[in-house]
Amino acid sequence: MQKLRNPLAKALMLTVAFSSLLLALIASANLVSASSATLVQQNNQGVSFHASSFTGTLAFSSSVTSGDVVALGLEFDSTTSILSVTDSLGSSYTQAVTVGPSSISGLFAAIYYATLGSSGVDSVMVQVSTSNCPGGPFTCHDFFDVYIYEVSGVTTSGATTGSGSGTGNSVSTTPTSFATGAFLLGMTSFACSGGPGGICSTSAGSGFTLSPDHSGVDATLAEYSLSSVSSPTTFPATLGGIVVDWVEAGLVVNPKNSPPIPEYPLGLPLLAIFLIITYGLMRRRAVAQRRPET
């Protein structure tokens, strides 16, 4: 192999070699990983009301933290309209998905979410109205179920949803993809033979956890998962008994992504120094070539 005598060629080759080494080091570095979802707290209740309009209130048992996400699941029927979802801290709620009415019973399932702008004691308010007033406004009667979750380590940016409906015992939605460490929430509203609450049992899908039941007046299945499900998911669940019909809404909020930070922060400054030296060598060579021979 012919020896390189040109300082400029040497400098260029060294620059290429050093840059390749630096890129290899950065590629093999351990980057800061994305955060993972953590379920901080949850609560739920069944609400029965006797008015043409009503606001149901449900509080978190402990103070919430700014930056966390609140996910809210609702179950209601075709005579109930959701007018607004707010909370005592002034958070702005987004309607992520509403599924319904179911084919026979006219049921709905819906999920809302918000990012908390401040910390403190927090109560979620759901304002509804009803058309179930057979004898006028003083005979109104209706109901809905509400589930709330405070989740840390996630972002509502890029939230995705799934939806499904059917009449059998197996519950599922359209496939929904997600990143590792996401929070998944499935809300199912169903009717069983024998009326509200009926004789149906509920089982969460593989990798999901059923939220604690409440003393409500209707049939609802709420399940969530933090890290035990493979992407994509269909929010699967099982209803036991004679099922009339069901609808399901699913929500995914992905983990907050940290910017990649290489373990070799000195690499780029060293490259800059090397390029400066290379530039000096190139100028020196150029000056030498311009000198007249004696």
Protein backbone atom coordinates (compact mmCIF):
# COMPACT_ATOMS: atom_id res chain seq x y z
CA MET A 1 0.00 0.00 0.00
CA GLN A 2 1.37 3.38 -0.98
CA LYS A 3 2.24 5.62 1.96
CA LEU A 4 0.27 8.85 2.14
CA ARG A 5 2.63 11.85 2.05
CA ASN A 6 0.04 14.58 1.57
CA PRO A 7 -0.86 16.14 4.98
CA LEU A 8 -4.30 17.12 3.66
CA ALA A 9 -5.11 13.53 2.68
CA LYS A 10 -3.88 12.30 6.06
CA ALA A 11 -6.04 14.81 7.87
CA LEU A 12 -9.14 13.89 5.87
CA MET A 13 -8.64 10.18 6.51
CA LEU A 14 -8.16 10.75 10.22
CA THR A 15 -11.33 12.87 10.31
CA VAL A 16 -13.36 10.14 8.63
CA ALA A 17 -11.97 7.49 10.98
CA PHE A 18 -12.61 9.56 14.11
CA SER A 19 -16.14 10.47 13.00
CA SER A 20 -16.97 6.81 12.31
CA LEU A 21 -15.71 5.82 15.76
CA LEU A 22 -17.73 8.57 17.41
CA LEU A 23 -20.93 7.53 15.63
CA ALA A 24 -20.38 3.91 16.66
CA LEU A 25 -19.94 4.94 20.30
CA ILE A 26 -23.12 7.02 20.25
CA ALA A 27 -25.09 4.22 18.59
CA SER A 28 -23.98 1.72 21.24
CA ALA A 29 -24.58 4.08 24.16
CA ASN A 30 -27.43 3.41 26.55
CA LEU A 31 -29.99 6.13 25.93
CA VAL A 32 -32.35 7.52 28.55
CA SER A 33 -35.46 5.32 28.36
CA ALA A 34 -39.06 6.48 28.24
CA SER A 35 -40.97 6.66 31.50
CA SER A 36 -43.60 4.07 32.38
CA ALA A 37 -47.20 4.52 33.45
CA THR A 38 -48.01 4.29 37.16
CA LEU A 39 -51.56 4.08 38.47
CA VAL A 40 -51.55 6.54 41.37
CA GLN A 41 -55.19 6.08 42.47
CA GLN A 42 -58.68 5.28 41.23
CA ASN A 43 -62.28 5.60 42.33
CA ASN A 44 -65.76 4.88 40.97
CA GLN A 45 -69.44 5.11 41.75
CA GLY A 46 -72.87 4.39 40.35
CA VAL A 47 -75.12 7.43 40.19
CA SER A 48 -78.93 7.34 40.27
CA PHE A 49 -80.71 10.68 39.93
CA HIS A 50 -84.29 12.01 39.84
CA ALA A 51 -84.17 15.24 37.84
CA SER A 52 -84.13 16.37 34.23
CA SER A 53 -80.52 17.49 34.71
CA PHE A 54 -77.97 16.54 37.31
CA THR A 55 -74.27 16.88 38.16
CA GLY A 56 -72.56 13.88 39.68
CA THR A 57 -69.39 14.47 41.72
CA LEU A 58 -66.67 11.95 42.46
CA ALA A 59 -63.52 12.81 44.44
CA PHE A 60 -60.07 11.28 44.47
CA SER A 61 -59.21 9.99 47.93
CA SER A 62 -55.81 11.74 47.93
CA SER A 63 -54.45 14.94 46.43
CA VAL A 64 -53.51 14.75 42.76
CA THR A 65 -50.24 15.92 41.18
CA SER A 66 -49.75 18.47 38.42
CA GLY A 67 -48.69 16.87 35.14
CA ASP A 68 -50.44 13.56 35.84
CA VAL A 69 -53.26 12.42 33.57
CA VAL A 70 -56.84 11.77 34.66
CA ALA A 71 -58.72 9.15 32.63
CA LEU A 72 -62.47 8.96 33.12
CA GLY A 73 -64.78 6.16 31.98
CA LEU A 74 -68.57 6.49 31.71
CA GLU A 75 -71.46 4.08 31.24
CA PHE A 76 -74.95 5.37 30.41
CA ASP A 77 -77.96 4.63 28.23
CA SER A 78 -79.73 6.33 25.35
CA THR A 79 -81.97 8.45 27.59
CA THR A 80 -78.94 10.13 29.20
CA SER A 81 -76.85 12.86 27.56
CA ILE A 82 -73.39 13.85 28.82
CA LEU A 83 -73.30 17.64 28.87
CA SER A 84 -69.83 18.27 30.31
CA VAL A 85 -66.93 16.81 32.27
CA THR A 86 -64.95 19.14 34.53
CA ASP A 87 -63.08 19.02 37.82
CA SER A 88 -62.48 21.26 40.82
CA LEU A 89 -58.95 22.16 39.65
CA GLY A 90 -60.16 23.55 36.32
CA SER A 91 -58.66 20.83 34.13
CA SER A 92 -59.70 20.71 30.48
CA TYR A 93 -61.21 17.32 29.55
CA THR A 94 -61.17 15.83 26.07
CA GLN A 95 -63.72 13.29 24.86
CA ALA A 96 -61.48 10.50 23.60
CA VAL A 97 -64.11 8.02 22.41
CA THR A 98 -67.83 7.29 22.75
CA VAL A 99 -69.30 3.99 21.60
CA GLY A 100 -73.02 3.26 21.24
CA PRO A 101 -75.86 2.85 21.31
CA SER A 102 -75.77 -0.93 21.67
CA SER A 103 -78.01 -2.78 19.24
CA ILE A 104 -80.75 -3.83 21.67
CA SER A 105 -80.46 -1.98 25.00
CA GLY A 106 -79.24 1.40 23.75
CA LEU A 107 -76.17 1.48 26.00
CA PHE A 108 -73.11 3.73 25.68
CA ALA A 109 -69.51 3.63 26.89
CA ALA A 110 -67.29 6.72 26.83
CA ILE A 111 -63.81 7.76 27.94
CA TYR A 112 -62.51 11.26 28.63
CA TYR A 113 -59.04 12.44 29.68
CA ALA A 114 -57.23 15.55 30.97
CA THR A 115 -53.73 16.57 31.99
CA LEU A 116 -53.71 18.10 35.46
CA GLY A 117 -52.50 21.70 35.44
CA SER A 118 -52.15 21.96 39.21
CA SER A 119 -51.87 19.81 42.33
CA GLY A 120 -54.30 19.46 45.23
CA VAL A 121 -57.59 17.97 46.30
CA ASP A 122 -59.63 17.16 43.20
CA SER A 123 -63.23 16.18 42.46
CA VAL A 124 -64.51 15.28 39.00
CA MET A 125 -67.95 16.56 37.96
CA VAL A 126 -70.10 14.97 35.26
CA GLN A 127 -73.10 17.03 34.17
CA VAL A 128 -75.91 15.05 32.52
CA SER A 129 -79.49 15.42 31.38
CA THR A 130 -82.18 12.81 30.80
CA SER A 131 -85.21 12.36 28.58
CA ASN A 132 -86.59 9.59 30.80
CA CYS A 133 -89.39 11.67 32.28
CA PRO A 134 -92.62 9.75 31.49
CA GLY A 135 -94.89 12.00 33.56
CA GLY A 136 -93.13 15.32 33.26
CA PRO A 137 -90.02 16.85 34.87
CA PHE A 138 -90.96 15.67 38.37
CA THR A 139 -90.97 12.02 37.29
CA CYS A 140 -87.47 11.92 35.75
CA HIS A 141 -85.20 9.07 36.71
CA ASP A 142 -81.93 7.88 35.22
CA PHE A 143 -78.47 6.57 36.07
CA PHE A 144 -74.84 6.39 34.97
CA ASP A 145 -71.57 4.89 36.19
CA VAL A 146 -68.30 6.81 36.44
CA TYR A 147 -64.71 5.58 36.94
CA ILE A 148 -61.72 7.90 37.47
CA TYR A 149 -57.98 7.15 37.35
CA GLU A 150 -54.93 9.30 38.12
CA VAL A 151 -51.94 8.09 36.09
CA SER A 152 -48.37 9.38 36.20
CA GLY A 153 -45.58 9.00 33.64
CA VAL A 154 -47.85 9.32 30.58
CA THR A 155 -48.85 11.95 28.04
CA THR A 156 -52.16 12.55 26.28
CA SER A 157 -50.28 13.56 23.13
CA GLY A 158 -50.93 10.87 20.54
CA ALA A 159 -53.58 9.09 22.63
CA THR A 160 -55.32 6.33 20.67
CA THR A 161 -58.65 4.57 21.07
CA GLY A 162 -60.53 1.39 20.20
CA SER A 163 -64.23 0.60 19.93
CA GLY A 164 -66.38 -2.50 19.73
CA SER A 165 -69.92 -3.82 20.15
CA GLY A 166 -71.68 -7.17 20.13
CA THR A 167 -74.16 -9.57 21.69
CA GLY A 168 -71.96 -12.46 22.83
CA ASN A 169 -69.93 -13.20 25.95
CA SER A 170 -66.54 -12.19 24.51
CA VAL A 171 -65.83 -8.47 24.56
CA SER A 172 -63.23 -6.75 22.37
CA THR A 173 -62.48 -3.64 20.34
CA THR A 174 -60.67 -2.77 17.16
CA PRO A 175 -56.88 -3.37 17.52
CA THR A 176 -54.97 -0.50 19.12
CA SER A 177 -51.18 -0.20 19.13
CA PHE A 178 -49.15 1.32 21.95
CA ALA A 179 -45.63 1.81 23.30
CA THR A 180 -44.12 -0.16 26.16
CA GLY A 181 -45.08 1.41 29.48
CA ALA A 182 -48.45 2.78 28.32
CA PHE A 183 -51.67 2.95 30.37
CA LEU A 184 -54.62 1.05 28.85
CA LEU A 185 -58.25 1.50 29.91
CA GLY A 186 -61.21 -0.52 28.69
CA MET A 187 -64.81 0.50 29.54
CA THR A 188 -67.66 -1.90 28.76
CA SER A 189 -71.37 -1.23 29.19
CA PHE A 190 -73.54 -4.35 28.98
CA ALA A 191 -77.03 -5.67 29.59
CA CYS A 192 -77.89 -9.13 30.86
CA SER A 193 -81.05 -11.19 30.86
CA GLY A 194 -82.86 -10.25 34.05
CA GLY A 195 -82.37 -6.48 33.83
CA PRO A 196 -79.65 -4.02 34.92
CA GLY A 197 -76.95 -5.78 36.87
CA GLY A 198 -78.62 -9.03 35.79
CA ILE A 199 -76.94 -12.35 36.34
CA CYS A 200 -73.77 -11.69 34.37
CA SER A 201 -70.29 -12.04 35.82
CA THR A 202 -67.23 -10.17 34.57
CA SER A 203 -63.64 -11.28 33.91
CA ALA A 204 -60.76 -9.09 32.76
CA GLY A 205 -58.77 -10.04 29.70
CA SER A 206 -55.27 -11.50 29.95
CA GLY A 207 -52.88 -8.88 31.33
CA PHE A 208 -55.71 -6.59 32.47
CA THR A 209 -56.98 -5.90 35.99
CA LEU A 210 -60.62 -5.32 36.88
CA SER A 211 -61.30 -2.08 38.71
CA PRO A 212 -63.08 -2.60 42.03
CA ASP A 213 -66.84 -2.87 41.68
CA HIS A 214 -69.21 -0.33 43.19
CA SER A 215 -72.76 -0.24 44.48
CA GLY A 216 -74.12 1.17 41.24
CA VAL A 217 -77.37 0.33 39.53
CA ASP A 218 -76.15 -0.85 36.14
CA ALA A 219 -73.79 -3.35 34.55
CA THR A 220 -70.29 -2.04 33.84
CA LEU A 221 -66.90 -3.65 33.32
CA ALA A 222 -63.83 -1.43 33.75
CA GLU A 223 -60.35 -2.88 33.29
CA TYR A 224 -56.85 -1.44 32.98
CA SER A 225 -53.30 -2.53 32.24
CA LEU A 226 -49.90 -0.97 32.83
CA SER A 227 -47.29 -3.32 31.41
CA SER A 228 -48.68 -6.84 31.03
CA VAL A 229 -50.16 -6.67 27.53
CA SER A 230 -48.50 -6.98 24.13
CA SER A 231 -49.18 -4.43 21.40
CA PRO A 232 -51.62 -4.22 19.70
CA THR A 233 -54.49 -4.88 22.10
CA THR A 234 -58.24 -5.32 21.65
CA PHE A 235 -59.06 -4.69 25.35
CA PRO A 236 -60.44 -8.25 25.70
CA ALA A 237 -62.84 -9.24 28.49
CA THR A 238 -65.41 -11.95 29.20
CA LEU A 239 -69.00 -11.71 30.39
CA GLY A 240 -70.52 -14.74 32.06
CA GLY A 241 -74.27 -15.41 31.88
CA ILE A 242 -76.94 -14.57 29.34
CA VAL A 243 -75.73 -11.39 27.64
CA VAL A 244 -78.20 -9.20 25.77
CA ASP A 245 -75.66 -6.81 24.22
CA TRP A 246 -72.58 -4.73 25.00
CA VAL A 247 -70.41 -1.86 23.80
CA GLU A 248 -66.77 -1.22 24.70
CA ALA A 249 -64.50 1.84 24.52
CA GLY A 250 -60.71 1.60 24.87
CA LEU A 251 -58.06 4.25 25.54
CA VAL A 252 -54.26 4.17 25.30
CA VAL A 253 -52.07 6.95 26.72
CA ASN A 254 -48.40 6.35 25.98
CA PRO A 255 -45.43 7.03 28.27
CA LYS A 256 -43.63 10.34 28.26
CA ASN A 257 -40.53 10.09 26.06
CA SER A 258 -37.28 11.52 27.39
CA PRO A 259 -34.86 12.98 24.81
CA PRO A 260 -32.00 10.57 24.02
CA ILE A 261 -28.87 11.48 25.92
CA PRO A 262 -25.70 9.52 24.98
CA GLU A 263 -23.29 8.29 27.63
CA TYR A 264 -20.43 9.99 25.79
CA PRO A 265 -21.19 13.73 26.02
CA LEU A 266 -17.52 14.65 25.37
CA GLY A 267 -17.58 13.06 21.91
CA LEU A 268 -18.85 16.07 20.01
CA PRO A 269 -16.50 18.61 21.65
CA LEU A 270 -13.55 16.29 20.88
CA LEU A 271 -14.66 16.07 17.26
CA ALA A 272 -14.84 19.87 17.10
CA ILE A 273 -11.27 20.16 18.45
CA PHE A 274 -10.06 17.57 15.96
CA LEU A 275 -11.65 19.44 13.05
CA ILE A 276 -10.02 22.68 14.18
CA ILE A 277 -6.61 20.98 14.17
CA THR A 278 -7.37 19.54 10.74
CA TYR A 279 -8.27 22.99 9.46
CA GLY A 280 -4.94 24.31 10.79
CA LEU A 281 -3.03 21.60 8.96
CA MET A 282 -4.89 22.36 5.74
CA ARG A 283 -4.07 26.08 6.00
CA ARG A 284 -0.44 25.30 6.72
CA ARG A 285 -0.25 23.11 3.63
CA ALA A 286 -1.92 25.79 1.50
CA VAL A 287 0.51 28.47 2.69
CA ALA A 288 3.49 26.20 2.00
CA GLN A 289 2.28 25.55 -1.55
CA ARG A 290 2.04 29.30 -2.25
CA ARG A 291 5.63 30.06 -1.18
CA PRO A 292 8.01 30.64 -4.14
CA GLU A 293 10.86 28.21 -4.48
CA THR A 294 14.34 29.60 -3.80
